[in-house]
Every structure is written in C-alpha cells, then in structure tokens.
Amino acid sequence: MIRFIHIKKNGGTSVYKFLAKNKIECLLGPDTNMNNQVDYILNAKGECLVDKIFKFENLENEIKEHFNIDAKFPHLTKSTYDNYEDYYTKDLKEVVYLRLKKDFEYFNYEE
C-alpha cells in the first residue's frame, strides 16, 4: 500500500501526525512499499537498465538536446504550491533523505 500524505507549510500537523502514528521506521523499514526510483532502473547486479535518465527539473532542455529537436513543452498542470522547501522542517528533510538515500546518491542530488 502506498501512503500519500498532505504536507502543510512549516511543519503542519498532518505531517507530524503521520510520523507519530507510523513512526520513522515505517519510512525506513522493509515493510514499506515506498520504493526508491533506482529500484526501477537497476537490475540485481546494480547495472542500469535504461539508456538515458532525464531529470524532471531540466526535462525540456534534456529532451531537446538528446533528441536534437526544437519543441515547446507547456506546463499544463502547474501546481499552485509554494517552494517545496517551505513545507519541510529540518527533521522532515532528514527523514526524507534517509528514506530516499539511494536515489539522492545515484542521481547526484544534494542532501
């Protein structure tokens, strides 16, 4: 079962209720169905099964460059939320990092 939670700005209560109820172990433990993205692209030997990885934050430029095309990609379903960093406290950032550490490391994202 995949769990979706509504995150409120500046450590809103729904995030903390979720963490208190399910404990951090829920996010880190083996019983969770929350997979890392690398679990979908690496085989059992750790070999990458895809030819190219496009990062969402630079998707338009990477697609144009990779396929040598000049096209526009309109953002049709843009969120009305503010910057994602406004929704995470230091503690919640640490939980997310620990849970998704393999992704952070494989895709070269900062902690």
Protein backbone atom coordinates (compact mmCIF):
# COMPACT_ATOMS: atom_id res chain seq x y z
CA MET A 1 0.00 0.00 0.00
CA ILE A 2 1.42 3.39 -0.97
CA ARG A 3 0.74 6.14 1.52
CA PHE A 4 0.01 9.66 0.43
CA ILE A 5 0.12 12.46 2.95
CA HIS A 6 -0.83 16.08 2.67
CA ILE A 7 2.10 18.22 3.75
CA LYS A 8 1.32 21.60 5.23
CA LYS A 9 3.73 24.52 5.27
CA ASN A 10 6.22 24.89 8.10
CA GLY A 11 5.64 21.51 9.69
CA GLY A 12 1.85 21.46 9.62
CA THR A 13 0.17 18.97 11.90
CA SER A 14 -0.73 16.39 9.25
CA VAL A 15 2.94 15.54 8.63
CA TYR A 16 3.74 15.19 12.29
CA LYS A 17 0.61 13.15 12.99
CA PHE A 18 1.63 10.82 10.16
CA LEU A 19 5.18 10.44 11.51
CA ALA A 20 3.99 9.98 15.08
CA LYS A 21 1.40 7.40 14.10
CA ASN A 22 3.57 5.41 11.72
CA LYS A 23 6.99 6.09 13.23
CA ILE A 24 10.05 6.85 11.17
CA GLU A 25 10.65 3.09 10.90
CA CYS A 26 7.63 2.93 8.59
CA LEU A 27 9.50 5.10 6.13
CA LEU A 28 12.79 3.28 6.58
CA GLY A 29 11.75 -0.27 7.29
CA PRO A 30 11.48 -3.27 4.96
CA ASP A 31 7.68 -3.49 5.21
CA THR A 32 7.07 -0.29 3.30
CA ASN A 33 6.00 -0.25 -0.34
CA MET A 34 7.68 3.08 -0.95
CA ASN A 35 10.40 2.17 -3.43
CA ASN A 36 13.36 4.25 -4.46
CA GLN A 37 13.43 5.26 -8.12
CA VAL A 38 16.69 3.37 -8.61
CA ASP A 39 14.83 0.17 -7.76
CA TYR A 40 13.01 0.54 -11.08
CA ILE A 41 16.06 1.16 -13.28
CA LEU A 42 18.78 -1.08 -11.81
CA ASN A 43 18.96 -4.86 -12.05
CA ALA A 44 20.01 -7.16 -9.20
CA LYS A 45 23.68 -6.59 -10.08
CA GLY A 46 23.25 -2.81 -9.83
CA GLU A 47 23.52 -2.32 -13.59
CA CYS A 48 21.42 0.44 -15.13
CA LEU A 49 18.69 -0.92 -17.44
CA VAL A 50 17.91 2.34 -19.24
CA ASP A 51 19.92 4.23 -21.83
CA LYS A 52 19.20 7.76 -20.63
CA ILE A 53 17.89 9.32 -17.43
CA PHE A 54 16.08 12.64 -17.77
CA LYS A 55 15.76 14.75 -14.64
CA PHE A 56 12.38 16.41 -14.26
CA GLU A 57 13.79 19.77 -13.18
CA ASN A 58 15.57 20.07 -16.55
CA LEU A 59 13.31 17.83 -18.63
CA GLU A 60 12.57 20.17 -21.52
CA ASN A 61 16.23 21.01 -22.19
CA GLU A 62 17.42 17.44 -21.81
CA ILE A 63 14.78 16.08 -24.22
CA LYS A 64 15.56 18.77 -26.78
CA GLU A 65 19.28 18.06 -26.53
CA HIS A 66 19.01 14.27 -26.52
CA PHE A 67 16.62 14.04 -29.47
CA ASN A 68 18.01 17.10 -31.26
CA ILE A 69 14.60 18.75 -31.55
CA ASP A 70 13.34 22.27 -31.05
CA ALA A 71 9.97 21.95 -29.37
CA LYS A 72 7.98 23.60 -26.61
CA PHE A 73 6.70 21.63 -23.66
CA PRO A 74 3.95 23.63 -21.95
CA HIS A 75 3.42 23.11 -18.24
CA LEU A 76 -0.27 22.19 -18.30
CA THR A 77 -0.84 21.16 -14.70
CA LYS A 78 1.34 23.56 -12.76
CA SER A 79 0.92 23.38 -9.02
CA THR A 80 -0.20 26.38 -7.02
CA TYR A 81 2.00 25.36 -4.08
CA ASP A 82 4.93 27.47 -2.99
CA ASN A 83 8.55 26.31 -3.00
CA TYR A 84 8.77 22.73 -1.74
CA GLU A 85 11.37 23.73 0.86
CA ASP A 86 8.69 25.77 2.66
CA TYR A 87 6.89 22.50 3.51
CA TYR A 88 9.81 20.69 5.17
CA THR A 89 11.35 21.19 8.58
CA LYS A 90 14.95 20.13 9.23
CA ASP A 91 13.73 16.89 10.83
CA LEU A 92 11.40 16.04 7.97
CA LYS A 93 14.16 16.72 5.43
CA GLU A 94 16.35 14.25 7.30
CA VAL A 95 13.62 11.59 7.27
CA VAL A 96 13.10 12.03 3.52
CA TYR A 97 16.84 11.92 2.87
CA LEU A 98 17.31 8.75 4.92
CA ARG A 99 14.33 7.08 3.24
CA LEU A 100 15.47 8.03 -0.29
CA LYS A 101 19.23 7.98 0.26
CA LYS A 102 19.86 5.58 -2.64
CA ASP A 103 18.11 7.99 -5.01
CA PHE A 104 19.94 11.04 -3.65
CA GLU A 105 23.28 9.32 -4.13
CA TYR A 106 22.62 7.64 -7.50
CA PHE A 107 21.12 10.73 -9.14
CA ASN A 108 23.62 13.13 -7.54
CA TYR A 109 21.20 15.23 -5.54
CA GLU A 110 22.30 17.24 -2.53
CA GLU A 111 21.30 16.06 0.93
